[in-house]
Amino acid sequence: MKLSLFQRAFPKNVPALKEPVLWVHCASVGEFNTFLPVLKELKRAFSVALTYFSPRAESYLNSKGQFYDFLYPLPLDLPFSLRRFENALKPKALIIVERELWLNLLRATKTKKILVNAYAKRSLIEKRLSRYFKLILTRTQRDEEAFRSYGAKKVKTCGNMKFILEGTQGEVDLNIEEGSKVILGGSTHEGEEELLLKALKRLKGRVNLKLILAPRHMERVDKVSRLAERMGFKASLRSNCKSPGWEVLIVNTLGELRELYKYCDLAVVGGTFVPVGGHNLLEPLLWKKPVIFGKYTHKVRDMEEFLLSTGSGVKIHDESELTEVLLNLINSPPSAVDIKEISEKVKACYIQNILNELK
């Protein structure tokens, strides 16, 4: 739905949805997928209007229409634009996923607001805007304490929504040669693909190894593909892996990383070998795959603690360790914990607290 600035300033063609209506807002694909297990349950009792911020999310969200009733880019953060949209929807509540703290979205709209999977950065805007939420559901007790210190009245810890893991039973043919071991680098950033490719090169001849790379940002796919070829590997794109001869497979599709972890022997999660702070360290556990990550984990401390305490993950403190760690774990992989019980508890906490607030 390509809209001009004028159309985002003056939203129109907003349908009259069957009441009660929930307005759910997420930044992009990651936040949508994080909230999806809870959204599925809410959809049983509510009509759902879904808004998003990132234009890159549009095509993916269009393919997920069974989980909402109306999809629209977030109107401009102007009071009259948001009120116009809100008045057309008449929502019972606005649920915001994680950190979409837009000034007028919170201040100018009148509907009840709920923040989910909240984590505290202790920024000034966070302190000022948290008071507009009727309910805040946080990842950790530390986050709860921070939001209470801002003056938020109703705050409860439910756990990190990224602990809620669901997968499909569908099969994907990646044409992996029989007898190969597979490492998957998920949500990788600049510098991390080269790190993994260098490790693969050192291990070549010592083990029959394949590497799947899933860049965090799709616009980097061509660059990563050229890098792999320049380093002497036979590279293929996920959308065109028709023959089993590839050495490096580059994922150029949105929204299926969680499913692809099923086909690896080891998972290396990106954003942790460069100072990004980490991405979802737990997704590989859906398929009981051991996880390797780097030292930059300030955004995912709770996940790191869980992986290390259960023996499901290995932290690399020095890049020089990576090659030998990969070789050792490929030959003798640790057992990853079954996360399903924890997943259900976190999911139930979010659903119960949201529904109680909406009664």
Protein backbone atom coordinates (compact mmCIF):
# COMPACT_ATOMS: atom_id res chain seq x y z
CA MET A 1 0.00 0.00 0.00
CA LYS A 2 2.15 2.84 -1.31
CA LEU A 3 0.81 6.04 0.21
CA SER A 4 1.91 9.61 -0.34
CA LEU A 5 2.68 11.92 2.56
CA PHE A 6 -0.67 13.59 1.90
CA GLN A 7 -2.48 10.24 2.24
CA ARG A 8 -0.63 9.46 5.46
CA ALA A 9 -1.52 12.91 6.77
CA PHE A 10 -5.20 12.45 5.84
CA PRO A 11 -5.97 8.72 6.22
CA LYS A 12 -8.99 7.60 4.26
CA ASN A 13 -10.83 4.42 3.26
CA VAL A 14 -10.55 3.10 6.80
CA PRO A 15 -13.23 0.41 7.02
CA ALA A 16 -15.79 0.13 9.80
CA LEU A 17 -14.58 -3.08 11.47
CA LYS A 18 -16.78 -5.31 13.55
CA GLU A 19 -16.51 -4.26 17.18
CA PRO A 20 -14.63 -4.68 19.44
CA VAL A 21 -11.58 -3.42 17.54
CA LEU A 22 -7.93 -3.61 18.57
CA TRP A 23 -5.37 -1.28 17.00
CA VAL A 24 -1.97 -3.01 17.02
CA HIS A 25 1.16 -1.12 16.02
CA CYS A 26 4.61 -2.56 15.32
CA ALA A 27 7.72 -1.11 13.74
CA SER A 28 8.46 -3.85 11.22
CA VAL A 29 8.61 -7.60 10.53
CA GLY A 30 10.58 -8.52 13.65
CA GLU A 31 8.14 -6.88 16.04
CA PHE A 32 5.16 -8.36 14.20
CA ASN A 33 6.58 -11.89 14.40
CA THR A 34 7.44 -11.37 18.07
CA PHE A 35 3.84 -10.43 18.86
CA LEU A 36 2.22 -12.93 16.47
CA PRO A 37 1.62 -15.81 18.94
CA VAL A 38 -0.29 -13.42 21.20
CA LEU A 39 -2.00 -11.71 18.27
CA LYS A 40 -3.39 -15.06 17.09
CA GLU A 41 -5.19 -15.46 20.42
CA LEU A 42 -6.49 -11.87 20.51
CA LYS A 43 -7.80 -12.24 16.97
CA ARG A 44 -10.31 -14.78 18.27
CA ALA A 45 -12.13 -12.05 20.24
CA PHE A 46 -11.32 -8.82 18.37
CA SER A 47 -11.15 -7.31 14.94
CA VAL A 48 -7.54 -6.22 14.43
CA ALA A 49 -6.28 -3.11 12.66
CA LEU A 50 -2.53 -3.44 12.16
CA THR A 51 -0.23 -0.48 11.50
CA TYR A 52 3.50 -0.55 10.82
CA PHE A 53 6.30 1.95 10.34
CA SER A 54 8.94 0.39 8.08
CA PRO A 55 8.11 0.38 4.33
CA ARG A 56 10.20 -2.78 4.01
CA ALA A 57 7.60 -4.67 6.05
CA GLU A 58 4.73 -4.05 3.65
CA SER A 59 5.02 -7.02 1.30
CA TYR A 60 5.61 -9.46 4.17
CA LEU A 61 2.69 -8.16 6.22
CA ASN A 62 0.44 -8.31 3.16
CA SER A 63 1.11 -12.07 3.08
CA LYS A 64 -0.09 -12.45 6.69
CA GLY A 65 -3.63 -11.16 6.21
CA GLN A 66 -5.21 -14.02 8.15
CA PHE A 67 -3.94 -12.44 11.38
CA TYR A 68 -5.58 -9.02 11.01
CA ASP A 69 -8.61 -7.38 9.42
CA PHE A 70 -7.07 -4.15 8.16
CA LEU A 71 -3.49 -3.14 7.35
CA TYR A 72 -2.29 0.45 7.06
CA PRO A 73 1.01 2.33 7.32
CA LEU A 74 1.17 4.40 10.50
CA PRO A 75 -0.28 7.84 9.75
CA LEU A 76 2.06 10.79 10.13
CA ASP A 77 2.75 11.63 13.77
CA LEU A 78 0.49 14.66 13.65
CA PRO A 79 -2.44 15.12 16.05
CA PHE A 80 -5.13 15.61 13.40
CA SER A 81 -3.84 12.67 11.28
CA LEU A 82 -3.86 10.25 14.19
CA ARG A 83 -7.22 11.43 15.54
CA ARG A 84 -8.76 11.04 12.09
CA PHE A 85 -7.47 7.46 11.90
CA GLU A 86 -8.53 6.70 15.49
CA ASN A 87 -12.03 8.14 15.00
CA ALA A 88 -12.52 5.96 11.93
CA LEU A 89 -11.36 2.80 13.71
CA LYS A 90 -13.00 3.37 17.10
CA PRO A 91 -10.59 0.93 18.80
CA LYS A 92 -11.07 -0.44 22.28
CA ALA A 93 -7.31 -0.17 22.82
CA LEU A 94 -4.01 0.53 21.08
CA ILE A 95 -1.31 -2.10 21.65
CA ILE A 96 2.23 -0.98 20.88
CA VAL A 97 4.96 -3.58 20.49
CA GLU A 98 8.32 -2.80 22.12
CA ARG A 99 9.58 0.77 21.47
CA GLU A 100 7.37 2.64 19.00
CA LEU A 101 7.13 5.69 21.26
CA TRP A 102 5.75 8.36 18.93
CA LEU A 103 4.89 11.58 20.71
CA ASN A 104 1.49 12.32 19.18
CA LEU A 105 0.53 8.67 18.77
CA LEU A 106 0.58 8.53 22.56
CA ARG A 107 -0.40 12.05 23.49
CA ALA A 108 -3.06 12.94 20.90
CA THR A 109 -5.04 9.70 20.74
CA LYS A 110 -7.69 9.01 23.39
CA THR A 111 -7.90 5.24 23.30
CA LYS A 112 -6.45 3.07 26.09
CA LYS A 113 -2.80 2.24 25.42
CA ILE A 114 -0.89 -0.93 26.28
CA LEU A 115 2.87 -1.37 25.81
CA VAL A 116 4.06 -4.97 25.42
CA ASN A 117 7.50 -6.58 25.54
CA ALA A 118 8.73 -3.32 27.01
CA TYR A 119 12.35 -2.79 27.96
CA ALA A 120 13.80 0.29 29.60
CA LYS A 121 16.61 2.35 28.11
CA ARG A 122 16.09 5.15 30.66
CA SER A 123 15.94 7.80 27.95
CA LEU A 124 14.21 11.11 28.53
CA ILE A 125 11.49 10.45 25.92
CA GLU A 126 10.80 7.04 27.48
CA LYS A 127 10.43 8.60 30.92
CA ARG A 128 8.07 11.28 29.61
CA LEU A 129 5.88 9.09 27.42
CA SER A 130 5.50 6.01 29.62
CA ARG A 131 2.83 7.80 31.66
CA TYR A 132 0.44 7.65 28.69
CA PHE A 133 0.16 3.86 28.95
CA LYS A 134 -2.64 2.31 30.94
CA LEU A 135 -0.68 -0.96 31.14
CA ILE A 136 2.99 -1.79 30.55
CA LEU A 137 4.08 -5.43 30.29
CA THR A 138 7.86 -5.76 30.60
CA ARG A 139 10.57 -8.27 29.79
CA THR A 140 12.36 -8.29 33.14
CA GLN A 141 11.91 -7.22 36.76
CA ARG A 142 14.59 -4.56 36.18
CA ASP A 143 12.48 -3.11 33.36
CA GLU A 144 9.41 -3.12 35.59
CA GLU A 145 11.26 -1.23 38.31
CA ALA A 146 12.50 1.35 35.78
CA PHE A 147 9.03 2.06 34.40
CA ARG A 148 7.59 2.33 37.90
CA SER A 149 10.31 4.86 38.74
CA TYR A 150 9.04 6.99 35.82
CA GLY A 151 5.62 7.15 37.45
CA ALA A 152 3.87 4.47 35.37
CA LYS A 153 0.98 3.18 37.46
CA LYS A 154 0.33 -0.34 36.15
CA VAL A 155 3.41 -2.37 35.26
CA LYS A 156 3.94 -6.13 35.30
CA THR A 157 6.79 -8.43 34.28
CA CYS A 158 5.77 -11.17 31.86
CA GLY A 159 9.14 -12.10 30.35
CA ASN A 160 10.64 -11.54 26.95
CA MET A 161 8.13 -12.21 24.17
CA LYS A 162 11.00 -13.58 22.14
CA PHE A 163 10.85 -16.60 24.45
CA ILE A 164 7.50 -17.37 22.78
CA LEU A 165 8.53 -19.60 19.92
CA GLU A 166 6.25 -21.16 17.36
CA GLY A 167 7.10 -22.89 14.13
CA THR A 168 5.29 -24.61 11.31
CA GLN A 169 5.66 -28.21 10.30
CA GLY A 170 6.18 -27.32 6.65
CA GLU A 171 9.27 -28.60 4.86
CA VAL A 172 11.63 -26.39 2.87
CA ASP A 173 13.92 -27.90 0.23
CA LEU A 174 17.29 -26.17 0.52
CA ASN A 175 19.08 -28.81 -1.55
CA ILE A 176 21.61 -29.58 1.15
CA GLU A 177 24.00 -32.32 0.07
CA GLU A 178 23.67 -35.54 2.03
CA GLY A 179 26.29 -35.84 4.73
CA SER A 180 26.90 -32.10 4.96
CA LYS A 181 27.01 -30.19 8.22
CA VAL A 182 25.28 -26.80 8.15
CA ILE A 183 26.05 -23.60 10.02
CA LEU A 184 23.46 -20.83 9.84
CA GLY A 185 24.45 -17.22 10.50
CA GLY A 186 21.19 -15.44 11.35
CA SER A 187 20.49 -11.69 11.32
CA THR A 188 24.08 -10.88 10.38
CA HIS A 189 25.55 -7.39 9.98
CA GLU A 190 28.47 -5.85 8.11
CA GLY A 191 31.65 -7.68 9.14
CA GLU A 192 29.93 -10.77 10.51
CA GLU A 193 29.46 -12.49 7.16
CA GLU A 194 33.17 -12.07 6.40
CA LEU A 195 34.03 -13.48 9.82
CA LEU A 196 31.96 -16.61 9.14
CA LEU A 197 33.25 -16.98 5.59
CA LYS A 198 36.85 -16.84 6.83
CA ALA A 199 36.06 -19.54 9.39
CA LEU A 200 34.45 -21.65 6.66
CA LYS A 201 37.56 -21.28 4.53
CA ARG A 202 39.79 -22.46 7.38
CA LEU A 203 37.54 -25.48 7.95
CA LYS A 204 37.35 -26.44 4.28
CA GLY A 205 38.77 -29.91 3.84
CA ARG A 206 38.49 -30.72 7.54
CA VAL A 207 34.70 -31.18 7.50
CA ASN A 208 31.99 -31.22 4.81
CA LEU A 209 30.52 -27.89 5.77
CA LYS A 210 27.84 -25.59 4.32
CA LEU A 211 27.08 -22.05 5.42
CA ILE A 212 23.72 -20.28 5.30
CA LEU A 213 23.86 -16.50 5.73
CA ALA A 214 20.74 -14.49 6.54
CA PRO A 215 21.64 -10.77 6.50
CA ARG A 216 19.59 -8.65 8.88
CA HIS A 217 18.90 -6.12 6.11
CA MET A 218 17.79 -7.35 2.69
CA GLU A 219 19.49 -4.50 0.84
CA ARG A 220 22.84 -6.10 1.75
CA VAL A 221 22.12 -9.42 0.03
CA ASP A 222 23.91 -8.59 -3.24
CA LYS A 223 26.97 -7.32 -1.35
CA VAL A 224 27.13 -10.49 0.75
CA SER A 225 26.74 -12.65 -2.36
CA ARG A 226 29.62 -10.86 -4.09
CA LEU A 227 31.75 -11.21 -0.96
CA ALA A 228 31.20 -14.98 -0.85
CA GLU A 229 32.08 -15.37 -4.52
CA ARG A 230 35.14 -13.13 -4.17
CA MET A 231 36.35 -15.39 -1.36
CA GLY A 232 36.11 -18.39 -3.68
CA PHE A 233 32.82 -19.97 -2.63
CA LYS A 234 30.01 -21.21 -4.83
CA ALA A 235 27.14 -19.03 -3.62
CA SER A 236 23.41 -19.30 -4.26
CA LEU A 237 20.38 -17.29 -3.23
CA ARG A 238 17.64 -18.83 -1.07
CA SER A 239 15.07 -17.95 -3.76
CA ASN A 240 17.06 -19.92 -6.36
CA CYS A 241 18.71 -22.87 -4.58
CA LYS A 242 17.75 -25.45 -7.20
CA SER A 243 20.95 -27.48 -7.18
CA PRO A 244 22.77 -29.07 -4.24
CA GLY A 245 26.19 -27.77 -5.28
CA TRP A 246 26.21 -24.56 -3.24
CA GLU A 247 28.71 -23.92 -0.49
CA VAL A 248 27.15 -20.68 0.77
CA LEU A 249 23.42 -19.98 0.67
CA ILE A 250 22.30 -16.38 1.12
CA VAL A 251 18.78 -15.81 2.39
CA ASN A 252 17.00 -13.13 0.35
CA THR A 253 13.50 -13.81 1.69
CA LEU A 254 11.73 -12.12 4.59
CA GLY A 255 10.20 -13.73 7.64
CA GLU A 256 11.44 -17.32 7.38
CA LEU A 257 14.68 -17.26 9.37
CA ARG A 258 13.06 -19.01 12.35
CA GLU A 259 12.01 -21.89 10.10
CA LEU A 260 15.43 -22.15 8.44
CA TYR A 261 17.14 -22.81 11.77
CA LYS A 262 15.50 -26.22 11.58
CA TYR A 263 17.96 -27.24 8.86
CA CYS A 264 21.23 -26.26 10.53
CA ASP A 265 23.49 -28.14 12.92
CA LEU A 266 24.78 -24.97 14.59
CA ALA A 267 23.31 -21.49 14.74
CA VAL A 268 25.41 -18.33 14.93
CA VAL A 269 23.27 -15.32 15.85
CA GLY A 270 24.32 -11.96 14.44
CA GLY A 271 24.48 -8.51 15.92
CA THR A 272 26.74 -10.01 18.61
CA PHE A 273 30.13 -9.99 16.86
CA VAL A 274 29.80 -6.29 16.04
CA PRO A 275 28.57 -3.64 18.53
CA VAL A 276 24.88 -3.88 17.64
CA GLY A 277 23.82 -5.57 20.86
CA GLY A 278 22.33 -8.82 19.60
CA HIS A 279 19.18 -10.23 18.04
CA ASN A 280 16.93 -13.11 19.09
CA LEU A 281 19.30 -15.71 20.53
CA LEU A 282 16.49 -18.14 21.28
CA GLU A 283 14.94 -18.87 17.87
CA PRO A 284 17.27 -21.82 17.16
CA LEU A 285 16.02 -23.48 20.36
CA LEU A 286 12.66 -24.04 18.71
CA TRP A 287 14.44 -26.84 16.85
CA LYS A 288 16.83 -27.64 19.74
CA LYS A 289 19.83 -26.25 17.90
CA PRO A 290 22.84 -25.04 19.92
CA VAL A 291 23.61 -21.33 19.65
CA ILE A 292 26.91 -19.47 19.23
CA PHE A 293 27.08 -15.73 19.84
CA GLY A 294 29.66 -12.99 20.36
CA LYS A 295 30.45 -10.57 23.15
CA TYR A 296 28.08 -7.74 22.14
CA THR A 297 24.92 -8.81 23.91
CA HIS A 298 23.77 -5.73 25.81
CA LYS A 299 20.28 -5.87 24.20
CA VAL A 300 19.74 -9.56 24.93
CA ARG A 301 21.21 -10.12 28.39
CA ASP A 302 18.27 -12.18 29.60
CA MET A 303 18.56 -14.52 26.60
CA GLU A 304 22.32 -14.83 27.07
CA GLU A 305 21.86 -15.75 30.73
CA PHE A 306 19.27 -18.37 29.80
CA LEU A 307 21.46 -19.98 27.11
CA LEU A 308 24.55 -20.12 29.31
CA SER A 309 22.67 -21.39 32.37
CA THR A 310 21.07 -24.24 30.40
CA GLY A 311 24.19 -25.16 28.42
CA SER A 312 22.40 -24.40 25.14
CA GLY A 313 24.79 -21.71 23.97
CA VAL A 314 28.45 -20.77 23.71
CA LYS A 315 29.76 -17.22 23.96
CA ILE A 316 32.75 -16.27 21.82
CA HIS A 317 34.88 -13.61 23.52
CA ASP A 318 37.57 -13.45 20.84
CA GLU A 319 37.08 -13.83 17.10
CA SER A 320 40.14 -16.08 16.95
CA GLU A 321 38.17 -18.68 18.95
CA LEU A 322 35.43 -19.00 16.36
CA THR A 323 36.98 -21.54 13.96
CA GLU A 324 37.92 -24.08 16.62
CA VAL A 325 34.65 -23.64 18.50
CA LEU A 326 32.70 -24.28 15.30
CA LEU A 327 34.77 -27.39 14.56
CA ASN A 328 34.43 -28.77 18.08
CA LEU A 329 30.68 -28.17 18.24
CA ILE A 330 30.03 -29.56 14.75
CA ASN A 331 31.78 -32.77 15.76
CA SER A 332 30.24 -32.91 19.23
CA PRO A 333 27.21 -30.60 19.51
CA PRO A 334 25.81 -29.80 22.97
CA SER A 335 22.19 -30.59 23.76
CA ALA A 336 19.93 -27.55 23.57
CA VAL A 337 17.14 -27.15 26.10
CA ASP A 338 13.49 -27.62 25.16
CA ILE A 339 12.01 -24.13 25.48
CA LYS A 340 8.35 -25.03 24.95
CA GLU A 341 7.26 -24.95 28.62
CA ILE A 342 8.81 -21.52 29.22
CA SER A 343 7.34 -20.31 25.93
CA GLU A 344 3.82 -21.24 26.99
CA LYS A 345 4.17 -19.51 30.38
CA VAL A 346 5.32 -16.23 28.84
CA LYS A 347 2.58 -16.35 26.23
CA ALA A 348 -0.12 -17.03 28.84
CA CYS A 349 1.08 -14.12 30.98
CA TYR A 350 0.78 -11.63 28.13
CA ILE A 351 -2.61 -12.89 26.95
CA GLN A 352 -4.12 -12.98 30.44
CA ASN A 353 -2.95 -9.47 31.37
CA ILE A 354 -4.05 -7.91 28.07
CA LEU A 355 -7.50 -9.52 28.22
CA ASN A 356 -7.95 -8.52 31.85
CA GLU A 357 -7.21 -4.93 30.92
CA LEU A 358 -9.67 -5.03 28.03
CA LYS A 359 -12.62 -6.39 30.02
